[in-house]
Each structure stands twice: as C-alpha cells, then as structure tokens.
Protein backbone atom coordinates (compact mmCIF):
# COMPACT_ATOMS: atom_id res chain seq x y z
CA UNK A 1 8.59 -2.95 -17.91
CA UNK A 2 5.27 -1.53 -18.82
CA UNK A 3 5.25 -0.87 -22.42
CA UNK A 4 6.16 -1.87 -25.77
CA UNK A 5 9.00 -0.82 -27.93
CA UNK A 6 7.29 0.91 -30.98
CA UNK A 7 9.21 0.08 -34.25
CA UNK A 8 11.67 -2.63 -35.73
CA UNK A 9 14.75 0.07 -35.42
CA UNK A 10 14.12 0.12 -31.04
CA UNK A 11 12.71 -3.11 -30.73
CA UNK A 12 13.73 -6.40 -31.74
CA UNK A 13 16.63 -5.54 -33.87
CA UNK A 14 18.21 -3.92 -30.35
CA UNK A 15 17.16 -6.71 -28.90
CA UNK A 16 19.13 -9.26 -31.03
CA UNK A 17 21.93 -6.91 -31.44
CA UNK A 18 22.56 -6.22 -27.73
CA UNK A 19 22.35 -9.70 -26.97
CA UNK A 20 25.41 -10.56 -29.32
CA UNK A 21 27.41 -7.74 -28.42
CA UNK A 22 27.07 -7.48 -24.27
CA UNK A 23 30.12 -8.08 -22.34
CA UNK A 24 30.64 -11.73 -21.18
CA UNK A 25 29.75 -10.84 -17.54
CA UNK A 26 25.76 -10.24 -18.40
CA UNK A 27 26.14 -13.82 -19.75
CA UNK A 28 25.46 -13.23 -23.25
CA UNK A 29 29.18 -13.25 -25.59
CA UNK A 30 29.98 -16.13 -27.33
CA UNK A 31 33.69 -16.97 -27.15
CA UNK A 32 35.80 -20.00 -28.12
CA UNK A 33 37.29 -22.94 -26.18
CA UNK A 34 35.80 -22.95 -22.96
CA UNK A 35 32.10 -23.02 -21.71
CA UNK A 36 29.66 -19.79 -22.18
CA UNK A 37 26.53 -19.08 -23.58
CA UNK A 38 25.41 -21.11 -26.75
CA UNK A 39 27.42 -24.05 -25.42
CA UNK A 40 26.18 -27.41 -25.19
CA UNK A 41 25.60 -27.95 -20.97
CA UNK A 42 28.25 -30.46 -19.94
CA UNK A 43 26.69 -33.79 -18.14
CA UNK A 44 25.64 -33.32 -14.74
CA UNK A 45 27.92 -35.97 -12.51
CA UNK A 46 28.49 -34.87 -8.71
CA UNK A 47 29.81 -36.70 -6.03
CA UNK A 48 26.69 -36.84 -3.97
CA UNK A 49 23.19 -35.57 -3.84
CA UNK A 50 21.98 -34.31 -0.61
CA UNK A 51 18.56 -33.37 -1.51
CA UNK A 52 16.42 -34.32 -4.36
CA UNK A 53 12.50 -33.13 -3.89
CA UNK A 54 11.96 -34.08 -7.34
CA UNK A 55 13.54 -36.85 -8.05
CA UNK A 56 17.79 -36.63 -9.02
CA UNK A 57 18.39 -34.37 -11.39
CA UNK A 58 19.19 -35.27 -15.43
CA UNK A 59 19.24 -32.02 -17.32
CA UNK A 60 16.50 -33.90 -19.58
CA UNK A 61 15.72 -31.15 -22.53
CA UNK A 62 12.26 -30.26 -22.77
CA UNK A 63 12.97 -28.77 -19.08
CA UNK A 64 14.88 -25.36 -18.20
CA UNK A 65 17.32 -25.84 -15.18
CA UNK A 66 19.12 -23.68 -13.17
CA UNK A 67 22.78 -24.99 -12.14
CA UNK A 68 24.11 -23.26 -8.73
CA UNK A 69 27.74 -23.47 -7.37
CA UNK A 70 27.29 -22.02 -3.73
CA UNK A 71 28.76 -22.83 -0.57
CA UNK A 72 26.98 -22.72 2.86
CA UNK A 73 29.34 -20.20 4.60
CA UNK A 74 28.69 -17.47 1.19
CA UNK A 75 26.60 -14.53 2.21
CA UNK A 76 25.55 -13.66 -1.29
CA UNK A 77 24.69 -17.88 -1.38
CA UNK A 78 22.65 -17.06 1.55
CA UNK A 79 20.92 -14.44 0.17
CA UNK A 80 19.72 -16.30 -3.17
CA UNK A 81 18.49 -19.20 -1.35
CA UNK A 82 14.67 -17.83 -0.60
CA UNK A 83 15.24 -16.33 -4.27
CA UNK A 84 15.36 -19.63 -6.21
CA UNK A 85 12.75 -21.52 -3.72
CA UNK A 86 10.36 -18.70 -4.85
CA UNK A 87 11.20 -19.22 -8.53
CA UNK A 88 11.56 -23.28 -8.05
CA UNK A 89 7.49 -22.94 -6.24
CA UNK A 90 6.59 -20.30 -8.68
CA UNK A 91 7.01 -22.09 -11.91
CA UNK A 92 7.02 -25.75 -10.53
CA UNK A 93 9.24 -28.80 -11.28
CA UNK A 94 7.59 -29.63 -14.59
CA UNK A 95 9.02 -26.30 -16.15
CA UNK A 96 11.76 -25.53 -14.03
CA UNK A 97 14.48 -27.73 -11.90
CA UNK A 98 16.98 -25.58 -9.77
CA UNK A 99 20.00 -27.57 -8.65
CA UNK A 100 22.58 -26.00 -5.96
CA UNK A 101 26.16 -27.70 -6.09
CA UNK A 102 28.51 -26.97 -3.00
CA UNK A 103 32.05 -28.05 -2.96
CA UNK A 104 31.98 -28.71 0.35
CA UNK A 105 31.77 -32.09 2.00
CA UNK A 106 28.95 -33.87 2.62
CA UNK A 107 29.01 -33.89 6.06
CA UNK A 108 29.08 -30.10 6.35
CA UNK A 109 26.33 -29.02 3.51
CA UNK A 110 23.77 -31.91 4.80
CA UNK A 111 23.03 -30.70 8.46
CA UNK A 112 22.87 -27.32 7.17
CA UNK A 113 20.20 -27.93 4.76
CA UNK A 114 18.16 -29.91 7.14
CA UNK A 115 18.36 -26.94 9.57
CA UNK A 116 16.72 -24.81 6.57
CA UNK A 117 14.13 -27.20 6.41
CA UNK A 118 11.33 -26.42 3.61
CA UNK A 119 13.24 -22.84 2.98
CA UNK A 120 15.15 -25.02 0.28
CA UNK A 121 12.78 -26.75 -2.21
CA UNK A 122 15.03 -27.49 -4.56
CA UNK A 123 17.72 -30.56 -5.35
CA UNK A 124 21.50 -29.77 -3.65
CA UNK A 125 24.15 -31.60 -4.21
CA UNK A 126 28.26 -32.15 -3.09
CA UNK A 127 30.94 -31.61 -5.49
CA UNK A 128 34.71 -31.24 -5.03
CA UNK A 129 35.93 -32.20 -8.81
CA UNK A 130 33.53 -33.62 -11.58
CA UNK A 131 30.84 -30.86 -11.91
CA UNK A 132 32.81 -28.24 -10.42
CA UNK A 133 35.86 -29.36 -13.13
CA UNK A 134 33.04 -29.09 -15.79
CA UNK A 135 31.24 -26.47 -15.19
CA UNK A 136 33.09 -23.84 -12.60
CA UNK A 137 36.52 -24.65 -14.24
CA UNK A 138 35.92 -24.99 -17.86
CA UNK A 139 33.92 -21.06 -17.59
CA UNK A 140 36.97 -19.89 -16.18
CA UNK A 141 35.27 -18.82 -12.95
CA UNK A 142 36.11 -18.34 -9.20
CA UNK A 143 34.37 -17.63 -6.03
CA UNK A 144 30.58 -18.39 -5.37
CA UNK A 145 27.86 -17.15 -6.20
CA UNK A 146 27.78 -18.56 -10.01
CA UNK A 147 24.24 -19.45 -11.67
CA UNK A 148 24.14 -21.34 -15.29
CA UNK A 149 20.77 -21.23 -16.99
CA UNK A 150 20.32 -24.40 -19.34
CA UNK A 151 17.49 -24.09 -22.10
CA UNK A 152 14.95 -26.91 -23.11
CA UNK A 153 17.27 -27.71 -26.02
CA UNK A 154 20.20 -28.39 -23.29
CA UNK A 155 22.16 -25.00 -24.23
CA UNK A 156 23.54 -22.79 -21.52
CA UNK A 157 21.55 -19.38 -22.01
CA UNK A 158 22.94 -17.04 -19.38
CA UNK A 159 26.12 -17.42 -16.74
CA UNK A 160 26.22 -14.90 -13.77
CA UNK A 161 25.04 -13.79 -10.45
CA UNK A 162 21.71 -15.41 -9.03
CA UNK A 163 21.06 -12.05 -7.22
CA UNK A 164 21.15 -10.27 -10.28
CA UNK A 165 18.55 -8.83 -12.20
CA UNK A 166 19.83 -10.15 -15.89
CA UNK A 167 19.21 -13.51 -14.28
CA UNK A 168 15.37 -13.09 -13.47
CA UNK A 169 15.18 -11.29 -17.07
CA UNK A 170 16.67 -13.94 -18.56
CA UNK A 171 15.46 -16.97 -16.16
CA UNK A 172 11.86 -15.47 -17.56
CA UNK A 173 12.37 -15.00 -21.15
CA UNK A 174 13.74 -18.41 -21.70
CA UNK A 175 11.30 -20.33 -19.61
CA UNK A 176 8.59 -18.25 -21.86
CA UNK A 177 10.36 -18.95 -24.94
CA UNK A 178 11.61 -15.96 -25.72
CA UNK A 179 15.53 -16.31 -25.32
CA UNK A 180 17.62 -18.49 -28.18
CA UNK A 181 21.30 -17.06 -28.04
CA UNK A 182 21.93 -19.68 -30.88
CA UNK A 183 19.02 -19.04 -33.09
CA UNK A 184 19.41 -15.24 -32.18
CA UNK A 185 22.78 -15.42 -33.98
CA UNK A 186 20.70 -17.29 -36.58
CA UNK A 187 18.25 -14.30 -37.49
CA UNK A 188 20.57 -11.48 -36.52
CA UNK A 189 21.36 -10.98 -40.17
CA UNK A 190 18.17 -11.28 -41.40
CA UNK A 191 16.94 -8.57 -39.14
CA UNK A 192 19.92 -6.13 -40.30
CA UNK A 193 18.30 -7.21 -44.01
CA UNK A 194 14.56 -6.41 -42.75
CA UNK A 195 15.55 -3.25 -41.13
CA UNK A 196 17.12 -2.45 -44.94
CA UNK A 197 14.05 -3.16 -46.70
CA UNK A 198 11.88 -1.67 -44.38
CA UNK A 199 13.80 1.74 -44.75
CA UNK A 200 13.83 1.41 -48.61
CA UNK A 201 9.98 0.19 -48.33
CA UNK A 202 10.79 -3.04 -50.80
CA UNK A 203 7.18 -4.37 -48.87
CA UNK A 204 7.82 -7.59 -50.77
CA UNK A 205 10.98 -8.85 -49.89
CA UNK A 206 10.34 -7.31 -46.51
CA UNK A 207 7.70 -9.75 -46.27
CA UNK A 208 9.96 -12.58 -47.18
CA UNK A 209 12.50 -11.93 -44.94
CA UNK A 210 10.21 -12.02 -42.20
CA UNK A 211 9.17 -15.39 -43.19
CA UNK A 212 12.75 -16.56 -42.89
CA UNK A 213 13.14 -14.78 -39.42
CA UNK A 214 9.62 -16.69 -38.34
CA UNK A 215 10.85 -19.99 -40.13
CA UNK A 216 13.73 -20.25 -37.63
CA UNK A 217 11.35 -20.15 -34.51
CA UNK A 218 8.25 -18.13 -34.75
CA UNK A 219 7.43 -18.07 -31.07
CA UNK A 220 10.31 -16.59 -30.22
CA UNK A 221 10.45 -13.87 -32.71
CA UNK A 222 6.87 -13.08 -32.63
CA UNK A 223 7.22 -9.40 -31.84
CA UNK A 224 8.75 -9.06 -35.65
CA UNK A 225 4.77 -10.11 -37.01
CA UNK A 226 3.86 -7.80 -34.59
CA UNK A 227 6.03 -5.35 -36.31
CA UNK A 228 4.57 -6.24 -39.78
CA UNK A 229 1.30 -5.44 -38.46
CA UNK A 230 2.43 -2.06 -36.98
CA UNK A 231 4.09 -1.15 -40.12
CA UNK A 232 1.03 -1.67 -42.65
CA UNK A 233 -0.69 1.15 -40.27
CA UNK A 234 2.16 3.45 -39.71
CA UNK A 235 4.29 2.79 -43.32
CA UNK A 236 2.02 1.40 -45.26
CA UNK A 237 -1.03 3.23 -44.92
CA UNK A 238 -3.29 0.37 -45.13
CA UNK A 239 -4.98 -0.43 -41.80
CA UNK A 240 -8.19 -1.83 -43.29
CA UNK A 241 -5.75 -4.95 -44.35
CA UNK A 242 -3.56 -4.52 -40.81
CA UNK A 243 -6.54 -5.11 -38.88
CA UNK A 244 -7.68 -8.29 -40.72
CA UNK A 245 -3.82 -9.50 -40.27
CA UNK A 246 -4.50 -8.68 -36.74
CA UNK A 247 -7.79 -10.13 -36.03
CA UNK A 248 -6.44 -13.45 -37.43
CA UNK A 249 -2.88 -13.11 -35.22
CA UNK A 250 -5.15 -12.92 -32.24
CA UNK A 251 -7.36 -15.84 -33.04
CA UNK A 252 -4.71 -17.94 -34.09
CA UNK A 253 -2.46 -17.36 -30.79
CA UNK A 254 -5.59 -16.77 -28.24
CA UNK A 255 -4.68 -20.43 -26.32
CA UNK A 256 -1.09 -20.87 -27.61
CA UNK A 257 0.49 -17.68 -27.11
CA UNK A 258 -1.57 -15.62 -25.08
CA UNK A 259 1.40 -13.27 -24.54
CA UNK A 260 1.93 -12.68 -27.93
CA UNK A 261 -2.12 -11.56 -28.08
CA UNK A 262 -1.20 -9.08 -25.25
CA UNK A 263 1.51 -7.42 -26.67
CA UNK A 264 -0.51 -6.61 -29.75
CA UNK A 265 -3.06 -5.18 -27.80
CA UNK A 266 -0.47 -2.88 -26.01
CA UNK A 267 1.07 -2.16 -29.69
CA UNK A 268 -2.34 -1.38 -31.27
CA UNK A 269 -3.45 0.88 -27.93
CA UNK A 270 -0.44 2.78 -27.37
CA UNK A 271 2.38 2.71 -29.93
CA UNK A 272 2.90 6.58 -30.54
CA UNK A 273 3.56 6.00 -33.62
CA UNK A 274 0.41 4.95 -34.91
CA UNK A 275 -2.66 8.02 -35.74
CA UNK A 276 -5.17 8.37 -33.11
CA UNK A 277 -7.75 7.65 -36.28
CA UNK A 278 -6.04 4.38 -36.81
CA UNK A 279 -6.15 2.98 -33.35
CA UNK A 280 -8.51 0.15 -32.80
CA UNK A 281 -9.05 0.51 -28.93
CA UNK A 282 -12.16 -2.10 -28.60
CA UNK A 283 -10.16 -4.97 -30.29
CA UNK A 284 -7.35 -4.06 -28.22
CA UNK A 285 -9.38 -3.81 -24.82
CA UNK A 286 -11.59 -6.92 -26.12
CA UNK A 287 -8.10 -9.38 -26.98
CA UNK A 288 -6.02 -8.43 -23.86
CA UNK A 289 -9.28 -9.10 -21.46
CA UNK A 290 -9.99 -12.35 -23.37
CA UNK A 291 -6.56 -14.27 -22.50
CA UNK A 292 -5.82 -12.37 -19.22
CA UNK A 293 -6.83 -15.65 -17.12
CA UNK A 294 -4.32 -17.78 -18.73
CA UNK A 295 -1.50 -15.79 -16.89
CA UNK A 296 -0.79 -18.35 -13.87
CA UNK A 297 2.88 -17.18 -13.13
CA UNK A 298 2.73 -14.55 -10.78
CA UNK A 299 5.79 -12.60 -12.15
CA UNK A 300 4.17 -13.01 -16.15
CA UNK A 301 0.33 -12.34 -14.48
CA UNK A 302 1.43 -8.70 -12.63
CA UNK A 303 3.10 -7.83 -16.05
CA UNK A 304 0.03 -8.59 -18.18
CA UNK A 305 -2.19 -7.04 -15.70
CA UNK A 306 -0.01 -3.95 -15.93
CA UNK A 307 0.02 -3.88 -19.65
CA UNK A 308 -3.83 -4.24 -19.85
CA UNK A 309 -4.28 -1.72 -17.39
CA UNK A 310 -2.04 0.36 -20.05
CA UNK A 311 -4.20 -0.81 -22.77
CA UNK A 312 -7.49 0.38 -21.09
CA UNK A 313 -5.80 3.65 -19.80
CA UNK A 314 -5.54 4.43 -23.34
CA UNK A 315 -8.71 3.77 -24.46
CA UNK A 316 -10.16 6.15 -21.82
CA UNK A 317 -11.26 3.75 -19.07
CA UNK A 318 -9.36 5.10 -16.27
CA UNK A 319 -11.21 3.13 -13.73
CA UNK A 320 -10.51 -0.06 -15.20
CA UNK A 321 -7.14 0.87 -15.55
CA UNK A 322 -6.51 1.71 -12.41
CA UNK A 323 -8.17 -1.64 -10.76
CA UNK A 324 -5.61 -3.55 -13.22
CA UNK A 325 -2.79 -1.16 -12.09
CA UNK A 326 -3.41 -1.67 -8.41
CA UNK A 327 -3.95 -5.83 -9.05
CA UNK A 328 -0.36 -5.77 -11.17
CA UNK A 329 1.08 -4.18 -7.74
CA UNK A 330 -0.85 -6.86 -5.44
CA UNK A 331 -0.22 -9.98 -7.97
CA UNK A 332 3.48 -9.28 -8.00
CA UNK A 333 6.57 -11.31 -6.18
CA UNK A 334 7.74 -8.70 -3.12
CA UNK A 335 10.87 -8.15 -4.82
CA UNK A 336 9.32 -6.25 -7.74
CA UNK A 337 6.25 -4.88 -5.84
CA UNK A 338 7.85 -1.60 -6.08
CA UNK A 339 8.05 -0.73 -9.64
CA UNK A 340 4.70 -1.84 -9.95
CA UNK A 341 3.27 0.03 -7.04
CA UNK A 342 4.87 3.43 -8.55
CA UNK A 343 3.00 2.45 -11.96
CA UNK A 344 -0.29 2.42 -9.56
CA UNK A 345 0.53 5.51 -8.02
CA UNK A 346 1.64 7.20 -11.16
CA UNK A 347 -1.86 6.46 -12.89
CA UNK A 348 -3.75 7.23 -9.85
CA UNK A 349 -2.67 10.76 -10.07
CA UNK A 350 -2.80 10.77 -14.12
CA UNK A 351 -6.64 10.04 -13.58
CA UNK A 352 -6.85 13.31 -11.04
CA UNK A 353 -5.51 14.90 -13.08
C-alpha cells in the first residue's frame, strides 16, 4: 500500500499480466458465452424499486455502478451494508451509484429496508426474473451476495464478493481511472515489447512503444511515464534530462492527475534503484506537498498522506514523516486503520533508532 514498485518488470508488466491471468473467482478473466469481466453490462431492468435516494438508476455511462445481489436473510449480505453505505457516502452520487437487488418479494424487502433507516443510503430493488436472469444467471452465479462493478464506459470490471478486499481494491481503481480490463488486454503485448526494448537498451524503440501505450489511455498507464523517468536516471545515466522531464510531468499533472504527481515524487525519493546522488529530494517533497490538499476521498487521502510520509522520511525529515503517518492513520476508514496504524508505529520506532 505504501511504496511504489520500482521497475517496469515488477510493476506495470506484473499488474497488466496478473489482470489477464488471475482466476475468474477474483473477477478478472475473460471467458466466452457468458456474462463476465469485460462484457458490456446488461440493461438494468427490475420488477420494483424499493428505495431510490438519488433517483432511479439507469446505468448511464460516465458513472461507476455497483450492482449487488443480496437477501434480507443473508448474514454476509447484512455485513456488506455498512461497507457499501460508507462507499456510497465517501465517493458521492455524482461518481458512484450502488444498487442492491433482492429476489425476495417487495412485501418482505420493503419493511426490512424501512427498518434499517439511514443505514442504507443506496438504491434497493426487488426482482425475481429480469435482472436476476440477465446478471446472475448469465454469469452462472448462485447464492448471495455477489457484486458487479460496472465502469464508466458500461463494461463489467469485477464480479465477486462485496466483503472481499479484491472488491475494495478494484472499485477504488475503477473510480480513479486506473483499471479497464479491455484496454489492459489491448496494451499487454505492447508492455511485453516495452520490456524487451528496455532489456535490449533500444531506447528509441522503447520511447516509440511507450507512445503507443499512452495513446490507448494515458491516465490508465500513467506509471509507464514514471517508469520512463526512472529508466532515464538508472539505465540511460541521464538524470539531468530525466528531471527536466519530471518537472514537465509535475507541471502538467498538478491539477489533472495529482495522484500521479505523488507517485512520481515517491519514486524519486524512495526507488532503491536510483543512486543517492541522483535523488532530487527537494523536488519530491515540494511536488508531493503541493498536491496533498487535492485528495478529498478518505481512502485515497490516507494513502497519499502515507506516501508523502515516506517521501519526508527518505529526505531525512523524520518529524514531518511521523506527523504525516499519524494523519494517514486518523484519516483512513475504520476497516483500513490498522494497516496505517502499524505503519505509523513502525515509523516512530525507526526514528527512535
């Protein structure tokens, strides 16, 4: 969670290929003849809406949707309610719409939902045939709970358990524009080529292949740009040109992609492959600090606080680092707090010697 991978071999290629090879239980592998990750989401047709706090959902493009199939009698489904409610509140209805669908009769679901009161802040519907057939049966799923993440382009990006960490990670990535299985499949052979060109030190072709990857989706593959800067420092032995490129990257993304600026800053400060004499700590600290206030989502903000903490510690600013680690712990959602607390404690112990 807290440190960036430091090479294209361990970072981007691993991420892209893992996304294509992980078993279907994690919601990543494309198959044929059934609804799956990468499929266009079916229309959302239900028998009756029980609750629509943000208006009746339509799966409009440009917004991320989570469609959960659940039941009032299901204990794991009940456990997912506060978690889904927190996600709905944290990301806001303009970016995320969560929809719960039960096969039970409306006369069963409606009073149960009313009894929950404000605990359920997302849309609830009942359906026995239409949505159940077009989603659950089409995906060859049985039992509950099951959840589908539908990306802003209307494609399914995850199928799995709403109580799993895989679901949390994937939703976070999709909401931040960091995951699209179809585009990752398209880019996979290019990443293989990029790795080969780097190994051969064929820098002209490396740059050309990178340009093709970024043409698919620059935001999705932003780390490839950061890898290029690291490569210029470590393998091309040209830190001066690398930091000129880094400064341009920071200026271009300060507003449009502040998360990427933090990634680059952390890479500059902590990448073990970069020699100490070629680290630009002032650039890393200044850029990371400049973008910190742009992160409002609690999960993302906690992660960015932790990353800036790493940067400050690497730069020798232990007091600032510890203070940031503590802020990350205090900011993190409750289900993530323990990880951030451990990091804060470790950092204090490290500073104390």
